[in-house]
PDB file of all heavy atoms in Angstrom:
ATOM      1  N   ALA A   1      95.164-114.177 -47.890  1.00  0.00           N
ATOM      2  CA  ALA A   1      94.684-113.333 -46.796  1.00  0.00           C
ATOM      3  C   ALA A   1      95.598-113.539 -45.602  1.00  0.00           C
ATOM      4  O   ALA A   1      96.113-114.562 -45.331  1.00  0.00           O
ATOM      5  CB  ALA A   1      93.252-113.583 -46.499  1.00  0.00           C
ATOM      6  N   PRO A   2      95.733-112.469 -44.731  1.00  0.00           N
ATOM      7  CA  PRO A   2      96.414-112.666 -43.440  1.00  0.00           C
ATOM      8  C   PRO A   2      95.716-113.690 -42.613  1.00  0.00           C
ATOM      9  O   PRO A   2      94.524-113.890 -42.673  1.00  0.00           O
ATOM     10  CB  PRO A   2      96.387-111.340 -42.785  1.00  0.00           C
ATOM     11  CG  PRO A   2      96.054-110.349 -43.903  1.00  0.00           C
ATOM     12  CD  PRO A   2      95.219-111.176 -44.890  1.00  0.00           C
ATOM     13  N   GLY A   3      96.509-114.433 -41.759  1.00  0.00           N
ATOM     14  CA  GLY A   3      95.931-115.417 -40.921  1.00  0.00           C
ATOM     15  C   GLY A   3      94.958-114.748 -39.841  1.00  0.00           C
ATOM     16  O   GLY A   3      95.295-113.645 -39.422  1.00  0.00           O
ATOM     17  N   GLU A   4      93.938-115.502 -39.401  1.00  0.00           N
ATOM     18  CA  GLU A   4      93.017-114.890 -38.508  1.00  0.00           C
ATOM     19  C   GLU A   4      93.566-114.634 -37.130  1.00  0.00           C
ATOM     20  O   GLU A   4      93.042-113.844 -36.334  1.00  0.00           O
ATOM     21  CB  GLU A   4      91.807-115.861 -38.371  1.00  0.00           C
ATOM     22  CG  GLU A   4      92.127-117.131 -37.756  1.00  0.00           C
ATOM     23  CD  GLU A   4      90.930-118.088 -37.636  1.00  0.00           C
ATOM     24  OE1 GLU A   4      90.181-118.156 -38.661  1.00  0.00           O
ATOM     25  OE2 GLU A   4      90.755-118.748 -36.603  1.00  0.00           O
ATOM     26  N   ASN A   5      94.781-115.172 -36.841  1.00  0.00           N
ATOM     27  CA  ASN A   5      95.416-114.956 -35.485  1.00  0.00           C
ATOM     28  C   ASN A   5      96.088-113.579 -35.514  1.00  0.00           C
ATOM     29  O   ASN A   5      96.649-113.184 -34.446  1.00  0.00           O
ATOM     30  CB  ASN A   5      96.402-116.085 -35.292  1.00  0.00           C
ATOM     31  CG  ASN A   5      97.500-116.166 -36.324  1.00  0.00           C
ATOM     32  OD1 ASN A   5      97.297-116.083 -37.513  1.00  0.00           O
ATOM     33  ND2 ASN A   5      98.747-116.315 -35.899  1.00  0.00           N
ATOM     34  N   LEU A   6      96.241-112.952 -36.620  1.00  0.00           N
ATOM     35  CA  LEU A   6      96.939-111.706 -36.709  1.00  0.00           C
ATOM     36  C   LEU A   6      95.947-110.522 -36.311  1.00  0.00           C
ATOM     37  O   LEU A   6      94.995-110.257 -36.972  1.00  0.00           O
ATOM     38  CB  LEU A   6      97.395-111.417 -38.140  1.00  0.00           C
ATOM     39  CG  LEU A   6      98.455-112.464 -38.714  1.00  0.00           C
ATOM     40  CD1 LEU A   6      98.985-111.957 -40.065  1.00  0.00           C
ATOM     41  CD2 LEU A   6      99.603-112.610 -37.775  1.00  0.00           C
ATOM     42  N   ARG A   7      96.299-109.881 -35.194  1.00  0.00           N
ATOM     43  CA  ARG A   7      95.462-108.862 -34.624  1.00  0.00           C
ATOM     44  C   ARG A   7      96.293-107.671 -34.217  1.00  0.00           C
ATOM     45  O   ARG A   7      97.522-107.757 -33.925  1.00  0.00           O
ATOM     46  CB  ARG A   7      94.778-109.390 -33.387  1.00  0.00           C
ATOM     47  CG  ARG A   7      94.057-110.760 -33.567  1.00  0.00           C
ATOM     48  CD  ARG A   7      92.665-110.494 -33.989  1.00  0.00           C
ATOM     49  NE  ARG A   7      91.984-111.852 -34.240  1.00  0.00           N
ATOM     50  CZ  ARG A   7      90.674-112.089 -34.116  1.00  0.00           C
ATOM     51  NH1 ARG A   7      89.914-111.072 -33.747  1.00  0.00           N
ATOM     52  NH2 ARG A   7      90.134-113.249 -34.396  1.00  0.00           N
ATOM     53  N   ILE A   8      95.623-106.539 -34.120  1.00  0.00           N
ATOM     54  CA  ILE A   8      96.337-105.313 -33.724  1.00  0.00           C
ATOM     55  C   ILE A   8      96.399-105.289 -32.187  1.00  0.00           C
ATOM     56  O   ILE A   8      95.847-106.144 -31.498  1.00  0.00           O
ATOM     57  CB  ILE A   8      95.652-104.010 -34.206  1.00  0.00           C
ATOM     58  CG1 ILE A   8      94.166-103.921 -33.682  1.00  0.00           C
ATOM     59  CG2 ILE A   8      95.608-103.996 -35.723  1.00  0.00           C
ATOM     60  CD1 ILE A   8      93.932-103.123 -32.482  1.00  0.00           C
ATOM     61  N   ASP A   9      97.146-104.282 -31.654  1.00  0.00           N
ATOM     62  CA  ASP A   9      97.306-104.188 -30.129  1.00  0.00           C
ATOM     63  C   ASP A   9      96.288-103.180 -29.682  1.00  0.00           C
ATOM     64  O   ASP A   9      96.452-101.949 -29.781  1.00  0.00           O
ATOM     65  CB  ASP A   9      98.742-103.772 -29.845  1.00  0.00           C
ATOM     66  CG  ASP A   9      98.956-103.642 -28.371  1.00  0.00           C
ATOM     67  OD1 ASP A   9      97.993-103.488 -27.600  1.00  0.00           O
ATOM     68  OD2 ASP A   9     100.132-103.619 -27.914  1.00  0.00           O
ATOM     69  N   PRO A  10      95.165-103.571 -29.106  1.00  0.00           N
ATOM     70  CA  PRO A  10      94.142-102.623 -28.698  1.00  0.00           C
ATOM     71  C   PRO A  10      94.510-101.639 -27.676  1.00  0.00           C
ATOM     72  O   PRO A  10      94.059-100.471 -27.659  1.00  0.00           O
ATOM     73  CB  PRO A  10      92.978-103.532 -28.244  1.00  0.00           C
ATOM     74  CG  PRO A  10      93.576-104.761 -27.806  1.00  0.00           C
ATOM     75  CD  PRO A  10      94.805-104.987 -28.786  1.00  0.00           C
ATOM     76  N   ASP A  11      95.343-102.109 -26.716  1.00  0.00           N
ATOM     77  CA  ASP A  11      95.768-101.141 -25.675  1.00  0.00           C
ATOM     78  C   ASP A  11      96.606-100.004 -26.251  1.00  0.00           C
ATOM     79  O   ASP A  11      96.485 -98.889 -25.876  1.00  0.00           O
ATOM     80  CB  ASP A  11      96.610-101.970 -24.629  1.00  0.00           C
ATOM     81  CG  ASP A  11      95.661-102.999 -23.860  1.00  0.00           C
ATOM     82  OD1 ASP A  11      94.473-102.656 -23.675  1.00  0.00           O
ATOM     83  OD2 ASP A  11      96.173-103.998 -23.449  1.00  0.00           O
ATOM     84  N   ARG A  12      97.567-100.345 -27.148  1.00  0.00           N
ATOM     85  CA  ARG A  12      98.400 -99.366 -27.766  1.00  0.00           C
ATOM     86  C   ARG A  12      97.514 -98.396 -28.607  1.00  0.00           C
ATOM     87  O   ARG A  12      97.797 -97.147 -28.521  1.00  0.00           O
ATOM     88  CB  ARG A  12      99.446-100.078 -28.642  1.00  0.00           C
ATOM     89  CG  ARG A  12     100.395 -99.040 -29.380  1.00  0.00           C
ATOM     90  CD  ARG A  12     101.526 -99.752 -30.036  1.00  0.00           C
ATOM     91  NE  ARG A  12     101.072-100.723 -30.976  1.00  0.00           N
ATOM     92  CZ  ARG A  12     101.765-101.682 -31.483  1.00  0.00           C
ATOM     93  NH1 ARG A  12     103.072-101.870 -31.133  1.00  0.00           N
ATOM     94  NH2 ARG A  12     101.331-102.657 -32.318  1.00  0.00           N
ATOM     95  N   LEU A  13      96.591 -98.819 -29.314  1.00  0.00           N
ATOM     96  CA  LEU A  13      95.737 -98.012 -30.083  1.00  0.00           C
ATOM     97  C   LEU A  13      94.968 -97.087 -29.196  1.00  0.00           C
ATOM     98  O   LEU A  13      94.887 -95.875 -29.462  1.00  0.00           O
ATOM     99  CB  LEU A  13      94.707 -98.865 -30.947  1.00  0.00           C
ATOM    100  CG  LEU A  13      93.643 -98.094 -31.684  1.00  0.00           C
ATOM    101  CD1 LEU A  13      94.295 -97.038 -32.613  1.00  0.00           C
ATOM    102  CD2 LEU A  13      92.768 -99.052 -32.491  1.00  0.00           C
ATOM    103  N   TRP A  14      94.324 -97.695 -28.138  1.00  0.00           N
ATOM    104  CA  TRP A  14      93.603 -96.828 -27.206  1.00  0.00           C
ATOM    105  C   TRP A  14      94.427 -95.770 -26.563  1.00  0.00           C
ATOM    106  O   TRP A  14      94.033 -94.598 -26.354  1.00  0.00           O
ATOM    107  CB  TRP A  14      92.929 -97.782 -26.208  1.00  0.00           C
ATOM    108  CG  TRP A  14      91.849 -97.044 -25.439  1.00  0.00           C
ATOM    109  CD1 TRP A  14      91.915 -96.540 -24.113  1.00  0.00           C
ATOM    110  CD2 TRP A  14      90.547 -96.759 -25.853  1.00  0.00           C
ATOM    111  NE1 TRP A  14      90.734 -95.986 -23.751  1.00  0.00           N
ATOM    112  CE2 TRP A  14      89.806 -96.089 -24.836  1.00  0.00           C
ATOM    113  CE3 TRP A  14      89.849 -97.037 -27.125  1.00  0.00           C
ATOM    114  CZ2 TRP A  14      88.454 -95.675 -24.983  1.00  0.00           C
ATOM    115  CZ3 TRP A  14      88.485 -96.620 -27.226  1.00  0.00           C
ATOM    116  CH2 TRP A  14      87.856 -95.967 -26.229  1.00  0.00           C
ATOM    117  N   ASP A  15      95.616 -96.116 -26.139  1.00  0.00           N
ATOM    118  CA  ASP A  15      96.513 -95.228 -25.466  1.00  0.00           C
ATOM    119  C   ASP A  15      96.883 -94.038 -26.430  1.00  0.00           C
ATOM    120  O   ASP A  15      96.991 -92.923 -25.966  1.00  0.00           O
ATOM    121  CB  ASP A  15      97.898 -95.893 -24.995  1.00  0.00           C
ATOM    122  CG  ASP A  15      97.592 -96.763 -23.778  1.00  0.00           C
ATOM    123  OD1 ASP A  15      96.530 -96.700 -23.180  1.00  0.00           O
ATOM    124  OD2 ASP A  15      98.484 -97.672 -23.541  1.00  0.00           O
ATOM    125  N   SER A  16      97.085 -94.346 -27.638  1.00  0.00           N
ATOM    126  CA  SER A  16      97.413 -93.317 -28.664  1.00  0.00           C
ATOM    127  C   SER A  16      96.186 -92.388 -28.843  1.00  0.00           C
ATOM    128  O   SER A  16      96.395 -91.192 -28.966  1.00  0.00           O
ATOM    129  CB  SER A  16      97.793 -93.972 -29.983  1.00  0.00           C
ATOM    130  OG  SER A  16      98.974 -94.754 -29.902  1.00  0.00           O
ATOM    131  N   LEU A  17      95.021 -92.895 -28.902  1.00  0.00           N
ATOM    132  CA  LEU A  17      93.749 -92.073 -29.003  1.00  0.00           C
ATOM    133  C   LEU A  17      93.738 -91.142 -27.792  1.00  0.00           C
ATOM    134  O   LEU A  17      93.337 -89.964 -27.938  1.00  0.00           O
ATOM    135  CB  LEU A  17      92.478 -93.035 -28.990  1.00  0.00           C
ATOM    136  CG  LEU A  17      92.283 -93.719 -30.371  1.00  0.00           C
ATOM    137  CD1 LEU A  17      91.264 -94.831 -30.132  1.00  0.00           C
ATOM    138  CD2 LEU A  17      91.825 -92.774 -31.461  1.00  0.00           C
ATOM    139  N   MET A  18      93.965 -91.657 -26.618  1.00  0.00           N
ATOM    140  CA  MET A  18      93.905 -90.794 -25.393  1.00  0.00           C
ATOM    141  C   MET A  18      95.062 -89.750 -25.352  1.00  0.00           C
ATOM    142  O   MET A  18      94.860 -88.663 -24.927  1.00  0.00           O
ATOM    143  CB  MET A  18      93.925 -91.669 -24.148  1.00  0.00           C
ATOM    144  CG  MET A  18      92.753 -92.629 -23.990  1.00  0.00           C
ATOM    145  SD  MET A  18      91.154 -91.802 -24.092  1.00  0.00           S
ATOM    146  CE  MET A  18      90.543 -92.346 -25.680  1.00  0.00           C
ATOM    147  N   GLU A  19      96.158 -90.116 -25.825  1.00  0.00           N
ATOM    148  CA  GLU A  19      97.317 -89.191 -25.976  1.00  0.00           C
ATOM    149  C   GLU A  19      97.014 -87.974 -26.952  1.00  0.00           C
ATOM    150  O   GLU A  19      97.223 -86.834 -26.618  1.00  0.00           O
ATOM    151  CB  GLU A  19      98.537 -89.929 -26.297  1.00  0.00           C
ATOM    152  CG  GLU A  19      99.871 -89.117 -26.118  1.00  0.00           C
ATOM    153  CD  GLU A  19     100.184 -88.839 -24.635  1.00  0.00           C
ATOM    154  OE1 GLU A  19      99.781 -89.634 -23.836  1.00  0.00           O
ATOM    155  OE2 GLU A  19     100.904 -87.813 -24.412  1.00  0.00           O
ATOM    156  N   MET A  20      96.525 -88.391 -28.051  1.00  0.00           N
ATOM    157  CA  MET A  20      96.134 -87.373 -29.064  1.00  0.00           C
ATOM    158  C   MET A  20      94.988 -86.452 -28.490  1.00  0.00           C
ATOM    159  O   MET A  20      95.014 -85.242 -28.767  1.00  0.00           O
ATOM    160  CB  MET A  20      95.672 -87.970 -30.440  1.00  0.00           C
ATOM    161  CG  MET A  20      95.354 -86.987 -31.515  1.00  0.00           C
ATOM    162  SD  MET A  20      96.740 -85.971 -32.008  1.00  0.00           S
ATOM    163  CE  MET A  20      97.761 -87.175 -32.927  1.00  0.00           C
ATOM    164  N   ALA A  21      94.119 -87.021 -27.684  1.00  0.00           N
ATOM    165  CA  ALA A  21      93.017 -86.245 -27.192  1.00  0.00           C
ATOM    166  C   ALA A  21      93.406 -85.210 -26.168  1.00  0.00           C
ATOM    167  O   ALA A  21      92.637 -84.303 -25.847  1.00  0.00           O
ATOM    168  CB  ALA A  21      91.997 -87.242 -26.518  1.00  0.00           C
ATOM    169  N   LYS A  22      94.694 -85.317 -25.662  1.00  0.00           N
ATOM    170  CA  LYS A  22      95.180 -84.275 -24.772  1.00  0.00           C
ATOM    171  C   LYS A  22      95.514 -82.997 -25.487  1.00  0.00           C
ATOM    172  O   LYS A  22      95.605 -81.972 -24.864  1.00  0.00           O
ATOM    173  CB  LYS A  22      96.430 -84.740 -24.079  1.00  0.00           C
ATOM    174  CG  LYS A  22      96.244 -85.956 -23.115  1.00  0.00           C
ATOM    175  CD  LYS A  22      97.536 -86.450 -22.485  1.00  0.00           C
ATOM    176  CE  LYS A  22      97.360 -87.692 -21.546  1.00  0.00           C
ATOM    177  NZ  LYS A  22      98.603 -88.171 -21.049  1.00  0.00           N
ATOM    178  N   ILE A  23      95.570 -83.030 -26.782  1.00  0.00           N
ATOM    179  CA  ILE A  23      95.928 -81.856 -27.634  1.00  0.00           C
ATOM    180  C   ILE A  23      94.600 -81.161 -28.071  1.00  0.00           C
ATOM    181  O   ILE A  23      93.797 -81.848 -28.737  1.00  0.00           O
ATOM    182  CB  ILE A  23      96.768 -82.239 -28.767  1.00  0.00           C
ATOM    183  CG1 ILE A  23      98.132 -82.803 -28.321  1.00  0.00           C
ATOM    184  CG2 ILE A  23      97.079 -81.024 -29.672  1.00  0.00           C
ATOM    185  CD1 ILE A  23      99.006 -83.382 -29.436  1.00  0.00           C
ATOM    186  N   GLY A  24      94.389 -79.948 -27.748  1.00  0.00           N
ATOM    187  CA  GLY A  24      93.181 -79.301 -28.074  1.00  0.00           C
ATOM    188  C   GLY A  24      92.036 -79.822 -27.306  1.00  0.00           C
ATOM    189  O   GLY A  24      90.961 -80.174 -27.904  1.00  0.00           O
ATOM    190  N   PRO A  25      92.117 -79.857 -25.959  1.00  0.00           N
ATOM    191  CA  PRO A  25      90.954 -80.454 -25.220  1.00  0.00           C
ATOM    192  C   PRO A  25      89.724 -79.471 -25.286  1.00  0.00           C
ATOM    193  O   PRO A  25      89.915 -78.229 -25.392  1.00  0.00           O
ATOM    194  CB  PRO A  25      91.537 -80.516 -23.807  1.00  0.00           C
ATOM    195  CG  PRO A  25      92.562 -79.453 -23.714  1.00  0.00           C
ATOM    196  CD  PRO A  25      93.179 -79.454 -25.111  1.00  0.00           C
ATOM    197  N   GLY A  26      88.560 -80.124 -25.298  1.00  0.00           N
ATOM    198  CA  GLY A  26      87.303 -79.309 -25.238  1.00  0.00           C
ATOM    199  C   GLY A  26      87.081 -78.881 -23.740  1.00  0.00           C
ATOM    200  O   GLY A  26      87.895 -79.021 -22.888  1.00  0.00           O
ATOM    201  N   VAL A  27      85.794 -78.446 -23.553  1.00  0.00           N
ATOM    202  CA  VAL A  27      85.351 -77.996 -22.274  1.00  0.00           C
ATOM    203  C   VAL A  27      84.580 -79.042 -21.497  1.00  0.00           C
ATOM    204  O   VAL A  27      84.299 -78.890 -20.379  1.00  0.00           O
ATOM    205  CB  VAL A  27      84.676 -76.622 -22.281  1.00  0.00           C
ATOM    206  CG1 VAL A  27      85.544 -75.515 -22.862  1.00  0.00           C
ATOM    207  CG2 VAL A  27      83.339 -76.846 -23.130  1.00  0.00           C
ATOM    208  N   ALA A  28      84.289 -80.143 -22.295  1.00  0.00           N
ATOM    209  CA  ALA A  28      83.349 -81.126 -21.639  1.00  0.00           C
ATOM    210  C   ALA A  28      83.827 -82.531 -21.948  1.00  0.00           C
ATOM    211  O   ALA A  28      83.034 -83.421 -22.159  1.00  0.00           O
ATOM    212  CB  ALA A  28      81.936 -80.952 -22.150  1.00  0.00           C
ATOM    213  N   GLY A  29      85.177 -82.700 -22.042  1.00  0.00           N
ATOM    214  CA  GLY A  29      85.711 -84.075 -22.277  1.00  0.00           C
ATOM    215  C   GLY A  29      86.031 -84.406 -23.575  1.00  0.00           C
ATOM    216  O   GLY A  29      86.616 -85.504 -23.835  1.00  0.00           O
ATOM    217  N   GLY A  30      85.733 -83.588 -24.592  1.00  0.00           N
ATOM    218  CA  GLY A  30      86.035 -83.928 -25.961  1.00  0.00           C
ATOM    219  C   GLY A  30      87.189 -83.091 -26.491  1.00  0.00           C
ATOM    220  O   GLY A  30      88.233 -82.962 -25.732  1.00  0.00           O
ATOM    221  N   ASN A  31      87.159 -82.673 -27.753  1.00  0.00           N
ATOM    222  CA  ASN A  31      88.253 -81.916 -28.297  1.00  0.00           C
ATOM    223  C   ASN A  31      87.778 -80.728 -29.120  1.00  0.00           C
ATOM    224  O   ASN A  31      86.738 -80.701 -29.714  1.00  0.00           O
ATOM    225  CB  ASN A  31      89.042 -82.837 -29.243  1.00  0.00           C
ATOM    226  CG  ASN A  31      89.994 -83.710 -28.511  1.00  0.00           C
ATOM    227  OD1 ASN A  31      89.798 -84.880 -28.352  1.00  0.00           O
ATOM    228  ND2 ASN A  31      91.125 -83.161 -28.073  1.00  0.00           N
ATOM    229  N   ASN A  32      88.721 -79.661 -29.149  1.00  0.00           N
ATOM    230  CA  ASN A  32      88.509 -78.532 -30.031  1.00  0.00           C
ATOM    231  C   ASN A  32      89.884 -78.397 -30.705  1.00  0.00           C
ATOM    232  O   ASN A  32      90.765 -77.689 -30.282  1.00  0.00           O
ATOM    233  CB  ASN A  32      88.145 -77.271 -29.267  1.00  0.00           C
ATOM    234  CG  ASN A  32      87.993 -76.059 -30.203  1.00  0.00           C
ATOM    235  OD1 ASN A  32      88.050 -76.161 -31.395  1.00  0.00           O
ATOM    236  ND2 ASN A  32      87.832 -74.945 -29.549  1.00  0.00           N
ATOM    237  N   ARG A  33      90.042 -79.078 -31.849  1.00  0.00           N
ATOM    238  CA  ARG A  33      91.347 -79.097 -32.571  1.00  0.00           C
ATOM    239  C   ARG A  33      90.951 -78.872 -34.038  1.00  0.00           C
ATOM    240  O   ARG A  33      91.143 -79.660 -34.891  1.00  0.00           O
ATOM    241  CB  ARG A  33      92.052 -80.387 -32.388  1.00  0.00           C
ATOM    242  CG  ARG A  33      93.550 -80.467 -32.801  1.00  0.00           C
ATOM    243  CD  ARG A  33      94.265 -81.733 -32.399  1.00  0.00           C
ATOM    244  NE  ARG A  33      93.573 -82.846 -32.899  1.00  0.00           N
ATOM    245  CZ  ARG A  33      93.060 -83.772 -32.110  1.00  0.00           C
ATOM    246  NH1 ARG A  33      93.122 -83.686 -30.745  1.00  0.00           N
ATOM    247  NH2 ARG A  33      92.427 -84.835 -32.634  1.00  0.00           N
ATOM    248  N   GLN A  34      90.501 -77.610 -34.292  1.00  0.00           N
ATOM    249  CA  GLN A  34      90.051 -77.267 -35.628  1.00  0.00           C
ATOM    250  C   GLN A  34      91.259 -77.096 -36.561  1.00  0.00           C
ATOM    251  O   GLN A  34      92.333 -76.835 -36.170  1.00  0.00           O
ATOM    252  CB  GLN A  34      89.263 -75.891 -35.519  1.00  0.00           C
ATOM    253  CG  GLN A  34      87.975 -76.035 -34.657  1.00  0.00           C
ATOM    254  CD  GLN A  34      87.232 -74.730 -34.575  1.00  0.00           C
ATOM    255  OE1 GLN A  34      86.766 -74.201 -35.602  1.00  0.00           O
ATOM    256  NE2 GLN A  34      87.124 -74.221 -33.357  1.00  0.00           N
ATOM    257  N   ALA A  35      90.857 -77.146 -37.832  1.00  0.00           N
ATOM    258  CA  ALA A  35      91.905 -77.231 -38.860  1.00  0.00           C
ATOM    259  C   ALA A  35      92.765 -75.896 -38.840  1.00  0.00           C
ATOM    260  O   ALA A  35      92.293 -74.766 -38.763  1.00  0.00           O
ATOM    261  CB  ALA A  35      91.282 -77.363 -40.173  1.00  0.00           C
ATOM    262  N   LEU A  36      94.063 -76.130 -38.954  1.00  0.00           N
ATOM    263  CA  LEU A  36      95.070 -75.057 -39.100  1.00  0.00           C
ATOM    264  C   LEU A  36      95.160 -74.129 -37.918  1.00  0.00           C
ATOM    265  O   LEU A  36      95.524 -72.988 -37.983  1.00  0.00           O
ATOM    266  CB  LEU A  36      94.767 -74.254 -40.372  1.00  0.00           C
ATOM    267  CG  LEU A  36      94.616 -75.104 -41.687  1.00  0.00           C
ATOM    268  CD1 LEU A  36      94.547 -74.170 -42.897  1.00  0.00           C
ATOM    269  CD2 LEU A  36      95.621 -76.104 -41.787  1.00  0.00           C
ATOM    270  N   THR A  37      94.678 -74.623 -36.749  1.00  0.00           N
ATOM    271  CA  THR A  37      94.942 -73.905 -35.488  1.00  0.00           C
ATOM    272  C   THR A  37      96.282 -74.338 -34.943  1.00  0.00           C
ATOM    273  O   THR A  37      96.870 -75.361 -35.448  1.00  0.00           O
ATOM    274  CB  THR A  37      93.811 -74.152 -34.440  1.00  0.00           C
ATOM    275  OG1 THR A  37      93.773 -75.596 -34.246  1.00  0.00           O
ATOM    276  CG2 THR A  37      92.464 -73.722 -34.934  1.00  0.00           C
ATOM    277  N   ASP A  38      96.764 -73.687 -33.892  1.00  0.00           N
ATOM    278  CA  ASP A  38      98.000 -74.163 -33.179  1.00  0.00           C
ATOM    279  C   ASP A  38      97.873 -75.571 -32.765  1.00  0.00           C
ATOM    280  O   ASP A  38      98.745 -76.348 -32.774  1.00  0.00           O
ATOM    281  CB  ASP A  38      98.339 -73.237 -32.094  1.00  0.00           C
ATOM    282  CG  ASP A  38      98.723 -71.737 -32.557  1.00  0.00           C
ATOM    283  OD1 ASP A  38      99.035 -71.646 -33.749  1.00  0.00           O
ATOM    284  OD2 ASP A  38      98.704 -70.838 -31.771  1.00  0.00           O
ATOM    285  N   GLU A  39      96.644 -75.876 -32.246  1.00  0.00           N
ATOM    286  CA  GLU A  39      96.427 -77.242 -31.723  1.00  0.00           C
ATOM    287  C   GLU A  39      96.485 -78.286 -32.823  1.00  0.00           C
ATOM    288  O   GLU A  39      96.982 -79.365 -32.632  1.00  0.00           O
ATOM    289  CB  GLU A  39      95.019 -77.296 -31.028  1.00  0.00           C
ATOM    290  CG  GLU A  39      94.938 -76.420 -29.826  1.00  0.00           C
ATOM    291  CD  GLU A  39      94.734 -74.973 -29.964  1.00  0.00           C
ATOM    292  OE1 GLU A  39      94.469 -74.565 -31.178  1.00  0.00           O
ATOM    293  OE2 GLU A  39      94.859 -74.245 -29.002  1.00  0.00           O
ATOM    294  N   ASP A  40      95.957 -77.943 -33.988  1.00  0.00           N
ATOM    295  CA  ASP A  40      96.121 -78.825 -35.126  1.00  0.00           C
ATOM    296  C   ASP A  40      97.601 -79.126 -35.411  1.00  0.00           C
ATOM    297  O   ASP A  40      98.062 -80.197 -35.676  1.00  0.00           O
ATOM    298  CB  ASP A  40      95.456 -78.183 -36.352  1.00  0.00           C
ATOM    299  CG  ASP A  40      95.449 -79.072 -37.588  1.00  0.00           C
ATOM    300  OD1 ASP A  40      95.618 -80.388 -37.454  1.00  0.00           O
ATOM    301  OD2 ASP A  40      95.214 -78.558 -38.723  1.00  0.00           O
TER     302      ASP A  40
END
């Protein structure tokens, strides 16, 4: 098993989530990125 000291980078993951959320923004802070739309 991997050693318990091996961890992901939470800041990088969070920044990626926020960057993806800029594509197909909703009207109330979420997302509207439905399948096979331009935003998708």
